[in-house]
All heavy atoms as atom14 arrays in JSON, in Angstrom:
{
  "sequence": "ALHLQTGVIRSNCMDCLDRTNVVQSELARVILTRQLRESGVFSSTDV",
  "atom14_mask": [
    [1, 1, 1, 1, 1, 0, 0, 0, 0, 0, 0, 0, 0, 0],
    [1, 1, 1, 1, 1, 1, 1, 1, 0, 0, 0, 0, 0, 0],
    [1, 1, 1, 1, 1, 1, 1, 1, 1, 1, 0, 0, 0, 0],
    [1, 1, 1, 1, 1, 1, 1, 1, 0, 0, 0, 0, 0, 0],
    [1, 1, 1, 1, 1, 1, 1, 1, 1, 0, 0, 0, 0, 0],
    [1, 1, 1, 1, 1, 1, 1, 0, 0, 0, 0, 0, 0, 0],
    [1, 1, 1, 1, 0, 0, 0, 0, 0, 0, 0, 0, 0, 0],
    [1, 1, 1, 1, 1, 1, 1, 0, 0, 0, 0, 0, 0, 0],
    [1, 1, 1, 1, 1, 1, 1, 1, 0, 0, 0, 0, 0, 0],
    [1, 1, 1, 1, 1, 1, 1, 1, 1, 1, 1, 0, 0, 0],
    [1, 1, 1, 1, 1, 1, 0, 0, 0, 0, 0, 0, 0, 0],
    [1, 1, 1, 1, 1, 1, 1, 1, 0, 0, 0, 0, 0, 0],
    [1, 1, 1, 1, 1, 1, 0, 0, 0, 0, 0, 0, 0, 0],
    [1, 1, 1, 1, 1, 1, 1, 1, 0, 0, 0, 0, 0, 0],
    [1, 1, 1, 1, 1, 1, 1, 1, 0, 0, 0, 0, 0, 0],
    [1, 1, 1, 1, 1, 1, 0, 0, 0, 0, 0, 0, 0, 0],
    [1, 1, 1, 1, 1, 1, 1, 1, 0, 0, 0, 0, 0, 0],
    [1, 1, 1, 1, 1, 1, 1, 1, 0, 0, 0, 0, 0, 0],
    [1, 1, 1, 1, 1, 1, 1, 1, 1, 1, 1, 0, 0, 0],
    [1, 1, 1, 1, 1, 1, 1, 0, 0, 0, 0, 0, 0, 0],
    [1, 1, 1, 1, 1, 1, 1, 1, 0, 0, 0, 0, 0, 0],
    [1, 1, 1, 1, 1, 1, 1, 0, 0, 0, 0, 0, 0, 0],
    [1, 1, 1, 1, 1, 1, 1, 0, 0, 0, 0, 0, 0, 0],
    [1, 1, 1, 1, 1, 1, 1, 1, 1, 0, 0, 0, 0, 0],
    [1, 1, 1, 1, 1, 1, 0, 0, 0, 0, 0, 0, 0, 0],
    [1, 1, 1, 1, 1, 1, 1, 1, 1, 0, 0, 0, 0, 0],
    [1, 1, 1, 1, 1, 1, 1, 1, 0, 0, 0, 0, 0, 0],
    [1, 1, 1, 1, 1, 0, 0, 0, 0, 0, 0, 0, 0, 0],
    [1, 1, 1, 1, 1, 1, 1, 1, 1, 1, 1, 0, 0, 0],
    [1, 1, 1, 1, 1, 1, 1, 0, 0, 0, 0, 0, 0, 0],
    [1, 1, 1, 1, 1, 1, 1, 1, 0, 0, 0, 0, 0, 0],
    [1, 1, 1, 1, 1, 1, 1, 1, 0, 0, 0, 0, 0, 0],
    [1, 1, 1, 1, 1, 1, 1, 0, 0, 0, 0, 0, 0, 0],
    [1, 1, 1, 1, 1, 1, 1, 1, 1, 1, 1, 0, 0, 0],
    [1, 1, 1, 1, 1, 1, 1, 1, 1, 0, 0, 0, 0, 0],
    [1, 1, 1, 1, 1, 1, 1, 1, 0, 0, 0, 0, 0, 0],
    [1, 1, 1, 1, 1, 1, 1, 1, 1, 1, 1, 0, 0, 0],
    [1, 1, 1, 1, 1, 1, 1, 1, 1, 0, 0, 0, 0, 0],
    [1, 1, 1, 1, 1, 1, 0, 0, 0, 0, 0, 0, 0, 0],
    [1, 1, 1, 1, 0, 0, 0, 0, 0, 0, 0, 0, 0, 0],
    [1, 1, 1, 1, 1, 1, 1, 0, 0, 0, 0, 0, 0, 0],
    [1, 1, 1, 1, 1, 1, 1, 1, 1, 1, 1, 0, 0, 0],
    [1, 1, 1, 1, 1, 1, 0, 0, 0, 0, 0, 0, 0, 0],
    [1, 1, 1, 1, 1, 1, 0, 0, 0, 0, 0, 0, 0, 0],
    [1, 1, 1, 1, 1, 1, 1, 0, 0, 0, 0, 0, 0, 0],
    [1, 1, 1, 1, 1, 1, 1, 1, 0, 0, 0, 0, 0, 0],
    [1, 1, 1, 1, 1, 1, 1, 0, 0, 0, 0, 0, 0, 0]
  ],
  "atom14_positions": [
    [[-15.16, 11.79, -8.5], [-14.0, 10.85, -8.19], [-12.87, 11.26, -8.99], [-12.92, 11.24, -10.25], [-14.41, 9.45, -8.39], [0.0, 0.0, 0.0], [0.0, 0.0, 0.0], [0.0, 0.0, 0.0], [0.0, 0.0, 0.0], [0.0, 0.0, 0.0], [0.0, 0.0, 0.0], [0.0, 0.0, 0.0], [0.0, 0.0, 0.0], [0.0, 0.0, 0.0]],
    [[-11.72, 11.57, -8.39], [-10.49, 11.93, -9.1], [-9.71, 10.71, -9.49], [-9.05, 10.71, -10.49], [-9.68, 12.9, -8.16], [-10.31, 14.12, -7.71], [-9.35, 14.99, -6.81], [-10.78, 14.94, -8.89], [0.0, 0.0, 0.0], [0.0, 0.0, 0.0], [0.0, 0.0, 0.0], [0.0, 0.0, 0.0], [0.0, 0.0, 0.0], [0.0, 0.0, 0.0]],
    [[-9.77, 9.72, -8.68], [-9.02, 8.4, -8.94], [-9.96, 7.22, -8.67], [-10.79, 7.34, -7.65], [-7.77, 8.24, -8.14], [-6.69, 9.25, -8.41], [-6.14, 9.31, -9.61], [-6.17, 10.22, -7.64], [-5.19, 10.37, -9.59], [-5.18, 10.85, -8.37], [0.0, 0.0, 0.0], [0.0, 0.0, 0.0], [0.0, 0.0, 0.0], [0.0, 0.0, 0.0]],
    [[-9.89, 6.2, -9.4], [-10.63, 4.98, -9.11], [-9.68, 3.83, -8.94], [-8.71, 3.73, -9.68], [-11.57, 4.63, -10.24], [-12.78, 5.61, -10.43], [-13.59, 5.15, -11.61], [-13.7, 5.63, -9.15], [0.0, 0.0, 0.0], [0.0, 0.0, 0.0], [0.0, 0.0, 0.0], [0.0, 0.0, 0.0], [0.0, 0.0, 0.0], [0.0, 0.0, 0.0]],
    [[-9.95, 2.99, -7.98], [-9.12, 1.82, -7.82], [-9.65, 0.7, -8.7], [-10.82, 0.38, -8.67], [-9.19, 1.32, -6.31], [-8.28, 0.11, -6.04], [-8.19, -0.26, -4.64], [-8.38, 0.63, -3.72], [-7.98, -1.56, -4.31], [0.0, 0.0, 0.0], [0.0, 0.0, 0.0], [0.0, 0.0, 0.0], [0.0, 0.0, 0.0], [0.0, 0.0, 0.0]],
    [[-8.78, 0.19, -9.56], [-9.2, -0.76, -10.55], [-8.82, -2.23, -10.29], [-9.09, -3.14, -11.11], [-8.61, -0.36, -11.89], [-7.16, -0.39, -11.79], [-9.05, 1.0, -12.34], [0.0, 0.0, 0.0], [0.0, 0.0, 0.0], [0.0, 0.0, 0.0], [0.0, 0.0, 0.0], [0.0, 0.0, 0.0], [0.0, 0.0, 0.0], [0.0, 0.0, 0.0]],
    [[-8.22, -2.49, -9.13], [-7.87, -3.85, -8.84], [-7.29, -3.98, -7.35], [-7.13, -2.98, -6.71], [0.0, 0.0, 0.0], [0.0, 0.0, 0.0], [0.0, 0.0, 0.0], [0.0, 0.0, 0.0], [0.0, 0.0, 0.0], [0.0, 0.0, 0.0], [0.0, 0.0, 0.0], [0.0, 0.0, 0.0], [0.0, 0.0, 0.0], [0.0, 0.0, 0.0]],
    [[-7.1, -5.23, -6.94], [-6.54, -5.49, -5.61], [-5.46, -6.49, -5.69], [-5.47, -7.28, -6.71], [-7.68, -6.02, -4.63], [-8.67, -4.96, -4.38], [-8.32, -7.32, -5.23], [0.0, 0.0, 0.0], [0.0, 0.0, 0.0], [0.0, 0.0, 0.0], [0.0, 0.0, 0.0], [0.0, 0.0, 0.0], [0.0, 0.0, 0.0], [0.0, 0.0, 0.0]],
    [[-4.57, -6.5, -4.8], [-3.53, -7.54, -4.69], [-3.87, -8.48, -3.56], [-3.91, -8.06, -2.4], [-2.12, -6.88, -4.49], [-1.73, -6.0, -5.64], [-1.02, -7.93, -4.26], [-0.44, -5.23, -5.43], [0.0, 0.0, 0.0], [0.0, 0.0, 0.0], [0.0, 0.0, 0.0], [0.0, 0.0, 0.0], [0.0, 0.0, 0.0], [0.0, 0.0, 0.0]],
    [[-4.09, -9.77, -3.94], [-4.48, -10.76, -2.95], [-3.17, -11.42, -2.51], [-2.48, -12.01, -3.23], [-5.44, -11.67, -3.57], [-5.93, -12.79, -2.64], [-6.93, -13.67, -3.35], [-7.48, -14.71, -2.52], [-6.87, -15.92, -2.42], [-5.83, -16.21, -3.2], [-7.39, -16.86, -1.61], [0.0, 0.0, 0.0], [0.0, 0.0, 0.0], [0.0, 0.0, 0.0]],
    [[-3.01, -11.4, -1.21], [-1.85, -12.05, -0.58], [-2.21, -13.29, 0.15], [-3.31, -13.42, 0.69], [-1.13, -11.08, 0.42], [-1.98, -10.58, 1.39], [0.0, 0.0, 0.0], [0.0, 0.0, 0.0], [0.0, 0.0, 0.0], [0.0, 0.0, 0.0], [0.0, 0.0, 0.0], [0.0, 0.0, 0.0], [0.0, 0.0, 0.0], [0.0, 0.0, 0.0]],
    [[-1.39, -14.24, 0.14], [-1.66, -15.53, 0.77], [-0.3, -16.19, 1.06], [0.7, -15.87, 0.5], [-2.49, -16.41, -0.1], [-3.17, -17.51, 0.7], [-2.99, -17.59, 1.9], [-3.84, -18.46, -0.03], [0.0, 0.0, 0.0], [0.0, 0.0, 0.0], [0.0, 0.0, 0.0], [0.0, 0.0, 0.0], [0.0, 0.0, 0.0], [0.0, 0.0, 0.0]],
    [[-0.31, -17.14, 1.97], [0.88, -17.94, 2.29], [0.44, -19.2, 2.98], [-0.73, -19.49, 3.21], [1.88, -17.17, 3.14], [1.23, -16.78, 4.78], [0.0, 0.0, 0.0], [0.0, 0.0, 0.0], [0.0, 0.0, 0.0], [0.0, 0.0, 0.0], [0.0, 0.0, 0.0], [0.0, 0.0, 0.0], [0.0, 0.0, 0.0], [0.0, 0.0, 0.0]],
    [[1.43, -20.01, 3.47], [1.12, -21.27, 4.11], [0.25, -21.09, 5.38], [-0.68, -21.83, 5.59], [2.41, -22.02, 4.49], [3.09, -22.51, 3.25], [4.46, -23.67, 3.79], [5.54, -22.56, 4.67], [0.0, 0.0, 0.0], [0.0, 0.0, 0.0], [0.0, 0.0, 0.0], [0.0, 0.0, 0.0], [0.0, 0.0, 0.0], [0.0, 0.0, 0.0]],
    [[0.5, -20.09, 6.15], [-0.19, -19.9, 7.44], [-1.2, -18.8, 7.34], [-1.9, -18.5, 8.32], [0.75, -19.75, 8.59], [1.93, -18.84, 8.29], [2.0, -18.27, 7.23], [2.81, -18.74, 9.15], [0.0, 0.0, 0.0], [0.0, 0.0, 0.0], [0.0, 0.0, 0.0], [0.0, 0.0, 0.0], [0.0, 0.0, 0.0], [0.0, 0.0, 0.0]],
    [[-1.45, -18.19, 6.2], [-2.58, -17.38, 5.85], [-2.82, -16.16, 6.74], [-3.61, -15.29, 6.41], [-3.84, -18.26, 5.85], [-3.78, -19.65, 4.73], [0.0, 0.0, 0.0], [0.0, 0.0, 0.0], [0.0, 0.0, 0.0], [0.0, 0.0, 0.0], [0.0, 0.0, 0.0], [0.0, 0.0, 0.0], [0.0, 0.0, 0.0], [0.0, 0.0, 0.0]],
    [[-2.24, -16.03, 7.9], [-2.43, -14.94, 8.79], [-1.15, -14.18, 9.04], [-1.1, -12.95, 9.04], [-3.0, -15.43, 10.12], [-4.41, -16.05, 10.12], [-4.67, -16.59, 11.52], [-5.44, -14.97, 9.77], [0.0, 0.0, 0.0], [0.0, 0.0, 0.0], [0.0, 0.0, 0.0], [0.0, 0.0, 0.0], [0.0, 0.0, 0.0], [0.0, 0.0, 0.0]],
    [[-0.14, -14.88, 9.28], [1.08, -14.28, 9.92], [2.03, -13.59, 8.92], [2.23, -12.4, 8.94], [1.8, -15.36, 10.71], [0.82, -16.13, 11.63], [0.04, -15.5, 12.29], [0.8, -17.37, 11.6], [0.0, 0.0, 0.0], [0.0, 0.0, 0.0], [0.0, 0.0, 0.0], [0.0, 0.0, 0.0], [0.0, 0.0, 0.0], [0.0, 0.0, 0.0]],
    [[2.6, -14.46, 8.08], [3.52, -13.81, 7.11], [2.7, -12.94, 6.09], [3.23, -11.99, 5.53], [4.34, -14.89, 6.39], [5.42, -15.51, 7.28], [6.14, -16.61, 6.62], [5.45, -17.8, 6.56], [5.85, -18.93, 6.11], [7.12, -18.98, 5.64], [5.15, -19.96, 6.11], [0.0, 0.0, 0.0], [0.0, 0.0, 0.0], [0.0, 0.0, 0.0]],
    [[1.43, -13.36, 5.85], [0.59, -12.51, 4.98], [0.58, -11.09, 5.49], [0.56, -10.17, 4.78], [-0.78, -13.12, 4.91], [-0.68, -14.45, 4.26], [-1.72, -12.28, 4.08], [0.0, 0.0, 0.0], [0.0, 0.0, 0.0], [0.0, 0.0, 0.0], [0.0, 0.0, 0.0], [0.0, 0.0, 0.0], [0.0, 0.0, 0.0], [0.0, 0.0, 0.0]],
    [[0.41, -10.99, 6.81], [0.28, -9.61, 7.42], [1.55, -8.84, 7.14], [1.49, -7.57, 6.94], [0.04, -9.76, 8.89], [-0.14, -8.4, 9.59], [-1.17, -7.8, 9.35], [0.85, -7.92, 10.31], [0.0, 0.0, 0.0], [0.0, 0.0, 0.0], [0.0, 0.0, 0.0], [0.0, 0.0, 0.0], [0.0, 0.0, 0.0], [0.0, 0.0, 0.0]],
    [[2.73, -9.44, 7.15], [3.9, -8.72, 6.83], [3.92, -8.2, 5.43], [4.24, -6.97, 5.2], [5.21, -9.67, 6.97], [6.48, -8.98, 6.52], [5.34, -10.18, 8.4], [0.0, 0.0, 0.0], [0.0, 0.0, 0.0], [0.0, 0.0, 0.0], [0.0, 0.0, 0.0], [0.0, 0.0, 0.0], [0.0, 0.0, 0.0], [0.0, 0.0, 0.0]],
    [[3.41, -8.94, 4.44], [3.27, -8.52, 3.06], [2.31, -7.4, 2.94], [2.53, -6.43, 2.28], [3.01, -9.74, 2.15], [2.77, -9.22, 0.67], [4.11, -10.71, 2.23], [0.0, 0.0, 0.0], [0.0, 0.0, 0.0], [0.0, 0.0, 0.0], [0.0, 0.0, 0.0], [0.0, 0.0, 0.0], [0.0, 0.0, 0.0], [0.0, 0.0, 0.0]],
    [[1.16, -7.6, 3.63], [0.08, -6.58, 3.52], [0.52, -5.31, 4.08], [0.21, -4.21, 3.56], [-1.18, -7.08, 4.25], [-1.83, -8.25, 3.52], [-3.03, -8.84, 4.4], [-3.06, -8.64, 5.63], [-3.95, -9.44, 3.74], [0.0, 0.0, 0.0], [0.0, 0.0, 0.0], [0.0, 0.0, 0.0], [0.0, 0.0, 0.0], [0.0, 0.0, 0.0]],
    [[1.25, -5.32, 5.19], [1.79, -4.04, 5.8], [2.75, -3.34, 4.86], [2.71, -2.06, 4.81], [2.39, -4.34, 7.15], [3.56, -5.12, 7.01], [0.0, 0.0, 0.0], [0.0, 0.0, 0.0], [0.0, 0.0, 0.0], [0.0, 0.0, 0.0], [0.0, 0.0, 0.0], [0.0, 0.0, 0.0], [0.0, 0.0, 0.0], [0.0, 0.0, 0.0]],
    [[3.57, -4.06, 4.12], [4.42, -3.43, 3.26], [3.72, -2.87, 1.98], [4.05, -1.75, 1.59], [5.52, -4.5, 2.68], [6.55, -4.88, 3.77], [7.25, -3.66, 4.3], [7.8, -2.89, 3.49], [7.41, -3.56, 5.59], [0.0, 0.0, 0.0], [0.0, 0.0, 0.0], [0.0, 0.0, 0.0], [0.0, 0.0, 0.0], [0.0, 0.0, 0.0]],
    [[2.7, -3.56, 1.53], [1.83, -2.97, 0.47], [1.2, -1.72, 0.9], [1.04, -0.74, 0.16], [0.83, -4.02, 0.04], [1.3, -5.26, -0.76], [0.2, -6.28, -0.83], [1.78, -4.86, -2.11], [0.0, 0.0, 0.0], [0.0, 0.0, 0.0], [0.0, 0.0, 0.0], [0.0, 0.0, 0.0], [0.0, 0.0, 0.0], [0.0, 0.0, 0.0]],
    [[0.63, -1.76, 2.15], [0.01, -0.55, 2.67], [0.96, 0.63, 2.79], [0.65, 1.8, 2.55], [-0.6, -0.88, 4.0], [0.0, 0.0, 0.0], [0.0, 0.0, 0.0], [0.0, 0.0, 0.0], [0.0, 0.0, 0.0], [0.0, 0.0, 0.0], [0.0, 0.0, 0.0], [0.0, 0.0, 0.0], [0.0, 0.0, 0.0], [0.0, 0.0, 0.0]],
    [[2.24, 0.34, 3.18], [3.24, 1.38, 3.27], [3.5, 1.99, 1.88], [3.64, 3.21, 1.8], [4.54, 0.74, 3.88], [5.54, 1.78, 4.26], [6.88, 1.07, 4.64], [6.64, -0.05, 5.55], [6.43, 0.08, 6.87], [6.5, 1.24, 7.36], [6.22, -0.97, 7.56], [0.0, 0.0, 0.0], [0.0, 0.0, 0.0], [0.0, 0.0, 0.0]],
    [[3.6, 1.21, 0.88], [3.87, 1.73, -0.47], [2.7, 2.66, -0.96], [2.93, 3.74, -1.41], [4.02, 0.53, -1.46], [4.08, 1.06, -2.86], [5.36, -0.24, -1.13], [0.0, 0.0, 0.0], [0.0, 0.0, 0.0], [0.0, 0.0, 0.0], [0.0, 0.0, 0.0], [0.0, 0.0, 0.0], [0.0, 0.0, 0.0], [0.0, 0.0, 0.0]],
    [[1.42, 2.17, -0.77], [0.28, 2.95, -1.17], [0.18, 4.22, -0.38], [-0.13, 5.27, -0.92], [-0.97, 2.09, -1.1], [-0.95, 0.93, -2.07], [-2.23, 2.95, -1.33], [-0.89, 1.35, -3.56], [0.0, 0.0, 0.0], [0.0, 0.0, 0.0], [0.0, 0.0, 0.0], [0.0, 0.0, 0.0], [0.0, 0.0, 0.0], [0.0, 0.0, 0.0]],
    [[0.36, 4.17, 0.95], [0.23, 5.36, 1.78], [1.26, 6.4, 1.38], [1.0, 7.54, 1.38], [0.34, 4.96, 3.22], [0.21, 6.09, 4.24], [-1.07, 6.83, 4.1], [0.4, 5.67, 5.65], [0.0, 0.0, 0.0], [0.0, 0.0, 0.0], [0.0, 0.0, 0.0], [0.0, 0.0, 0.0], [0.0, 0.0, 0.0], [0.0, 0.0, 0.0]],
    [[2.49, 5.86, 1.11], [3.55, 6.8, 0.72], [3.14, 7.51, -0.62], [3.31, 8.81, -0.69], [4.85, 6.07, 0.44], [5.24, 5.47, 1.7], [5.97, 7.01, 0.05], [0.0, 0.0, 0.0], [0.0, 0.0, 0.0], [0.0, 0.0, 0.0], [0.0, 0.0, 0.0], [0.0, 0.0, 0.0], [0.0, 0.0, 0.0], [0.0, 0.0, 0.0]],
    [[2.57, 6.8, -1.59], [2.18, 7.34, -2.77], [1.01, 8.34, -2.58], [1.02, 9.47, -3.21], [1.68, 6.27, -3.73], [1.17, 6.74, -5.09], [0.73, 5.57, -5.92], [-0.01, 6.06, -7.09], [-0.66, 5.25, -7.98], [-0.74, 3.94, -7.72], [-1.33, 5.7, -9.05], [0.0, 0.0, 0.0], [0.0, 0.0, 0.0], [0.0, 0.0, 0.0]],
    [[0.07, 8.07, -1.77], [-1.03, 8.92, -1.41], [-0.56, 10.24, -0.84], [-1.01, 11.36, -1.25], [-2.03, 8.26, -0.54], [-2.82, 7.1, -1.23], [-3.63, 6.41, -0.21], [-3.45, 6.38, 0.97], [-4.78, 5.71, -0.71], [0.0, 0.0, 0.0], [0.0, 0.0, 0.0], [0.0, 0.0, 0.0], [0.0, 0.0, 0.0], [0.0, 0.0, 0.0]],
    [[0.36, 10.12, 0.13], [0.84, 11.32, 0.81], [1.66, 12.24, -0.16], [1.64, 13.47, -0.05], [1.69, 10.91, 2.01], [0.89, 10.28, 3.13], [1.85, 9.79, 4.25], [-0.11, 11.26, 3.7], [0.0, 0.0, 0.0], [0.0, 0.0, 0.0], [0.0, 0.0, 0.0], [0.0, 0.0, 0.0], [0.0, 0.0, 0.0], [0.0, 0.0, 0.0]],
    [[2.42, 11.62, -1.12], [3.14, 12.36, -2.05], [2.27, 13.1, -3.0], [2.44, 14.28, -3.29], [4.08, 11.45, -2.81], [5.34, 10.96, -2.06], [6.14, 10.02, -2.82], [7.37, 9.58, -2.08], [8.17, 8.7, -2.64], [8.02, 8.14, -3.78], [9.27, 8.38, -1.77], [0.0, 0.0, 0.0], [0.0, 0.0, 0.0], [0.0, 0.0, 0.0]],
    [[1.22, 12.37, -3.54], [0.35, 13.02, -4.5], [-0.62, 14.05, -3.86], [-1.1, 14.93, -4.57], [-0.52, 11.89, -5.15], [0.38, 10.98, -6.07], [-0.44, 9.96, -6.75], [-1.64, 9.93, -6.65], [0.17, 9.12, -7.54], [0.0, 0.0, 0.0], [0.0, 0.0, 0.0], [0.0, 0.0, 0.0], [0.0, 0.0, 0.0], [0.0, 0.0, 0.0]],
    [[-0.87, 13.95, -2.61], [-1.67, 14.96, -1.88], [-0.83, 16.15, -1.41], [-1.43, 17.12, -0.85], [-2.41, 14.34, -0.76], [-1.5, 13.85, 0.2], [0.0, 0.0, 0.0], [0.0, 0.0, 0.0], [0.0, 0.0, 0.0], [0.0, 0.0, 0.0], [0.0, 0.0, 0.0], [0.0, 0.0, 0.0], [0.0, 0.0, 0.0], [0.0, 0.0, 0.0]],
    [[0.48, 16.09, -1.56], [1.34, 17.24, -1.18], [1.81, 17.2, 0.22], [2.57, 18.13, 0.66], [0.0, 0.0, 0.0], [0.0, 0.0, 0.0], [0.0, 0.0, 0.0], [0.0, 0.0, 0.0], [0.0, 0.0, 0.0], [0.0, 0.0, 0.0], [0.0, 0.0, 0.0], [0.0, 0.0, 0.0], [0.0, 0.0, 0.0], [0.0, 0.0, 0.0]],
    [[1.51, 16.19, 1.01], [1.96, 16.09, 2.4], [3.48, 15.74, 2.43], [4.21, 16.26, 3.21], [1.14, 15.05, 3.18], [1.67, 14.91, 4.54], [-0.29, 15.44, 3.23], [0.0, 0.0, 0.0], [0.0, 0.0, 0.0], [0.0, 0.0, 0.0], [0.0, 0.0, 0.0], [0.0, 0.0, 0.0], [0.0, 0.0, 0.0], [0.0, 0.0, 0.0]],
    [[3.85, 14.78, 1.53], [5.18, 14.39, 1.38], [5.83, 15.0, 0.09], [5.06, 15.32, -0.87], [5.34, 12.88, 1.18], [5.36, 12.09, 2.49], [5.15, 12.7, 3.68], [5.57, 10.74, 2.5], [5.14, 12.08, 4.89], [5.55, 10.0, 3.65], [5.28, 10.65, 4.87], [0.0, 0.0, 0.0], [0.0, 0.0, 0.0], [0.0, 0.0, 0.0]],
    [[7.09, 15.25, 0.15], [7.75, 15.65, -1.09], [8.03, 14.37, -1.89], [7.75, 13.27, -1.47], [9.12, 16.27, -0.7], [10.04, 15.37, -0.22], [0.0, 0.0, 0.0], [0.0, 0.0, 0.0], [0.0, 0.0, 0.0], [0.0, 0.0, 0.0], [0.0, 0.0, 0.0], [0.0, 0.0, 0.0], [0.0, 0.0, 0.0], [0.0, 0.0, 0.0]],
    [[8.58, 14.53, -3.06], [8.8, 13.38, -3.98], [9.8, 12.47, -3.51], [9.9, 11.3, -3.94], [9.2, 13.89, -5.37], [10.37, 14.69, -5.31], [0.0, 0.0, 0.0], [0.0, 0.0, 0.0], [0.0, 0.0, 0.0], [0.0, 0.0, 0.0], [0.0, 0.0, 0.0], [0.0, 0.0, 0.0], [0.0, 0.0, 0.0], [0.0, 0.0, 0.0]],
    [[10.59, 12.84, -2.48], [11.67, 11.96, -1.97], [11.33, 11.44, -0.54], [12.15, 10.63, -0.02], [13.05, 12.65, -2.06], [12.93, 13.9, -1.17], [13.43, 13.05, -3.36], [0.0, 0.0, 0.0], [0.0, 0.0, 0.0], [0.0, 0.0, 0.0], [0.0, 0.0, 0.0], [0.0, 0.0, 0.0], [0.0, 0.0, 0.0], [0.0, 0.0, 0.0]],
    [[10.32, 11.96, 0.07], [9.98, 11.54, 1.46], [9.47, 10.16, 1.48], [8.7, 9.69, 0.52], [8.93, 12.44, 2.02], [9.58, 13.79, 2.46], [10.79, 13.79, 2.74], [8.85, 14.79, 2.64], [0.0, 0.0, 0.0], [0.0, 0.0, 0.0], [0.0, 0.0, 0.0], [0.0, 0.0, 0.0], [0.0, 0.0, 0.0], [0.0, 0.0, 0.0]],
    [[9.79, 9.41, 2.53], [9.16, 8.05, 2.75], [8.75, 8.04, 4.23], [9.2, 8.87, 5.04], [10.2, 6.98, 2.45], [10.51, 6.89, 0.97], [11.47, 7.11, 3.3], [0.0, 0.0, 0.0], [0.0, 0.0, 0.0], [0.0, 0.0, 0.0], [0.0, 0.0, 0.0], [0.0, 0.0, 0.0], [0.0, 0.0, 0.0], [0.0, 0.0, 0.0]]
  ]
}
């Protein structure tokens, strides 16, 4: 294992499904961008 995940970000809101999904999708976007940069698919400035 080259990297280990050491924690999770738990999202919640009043309606628990809808706006939460907006936050989760943005978190996924940030992590995916980081993964693609570190694997060489993206350059350091690509999003």
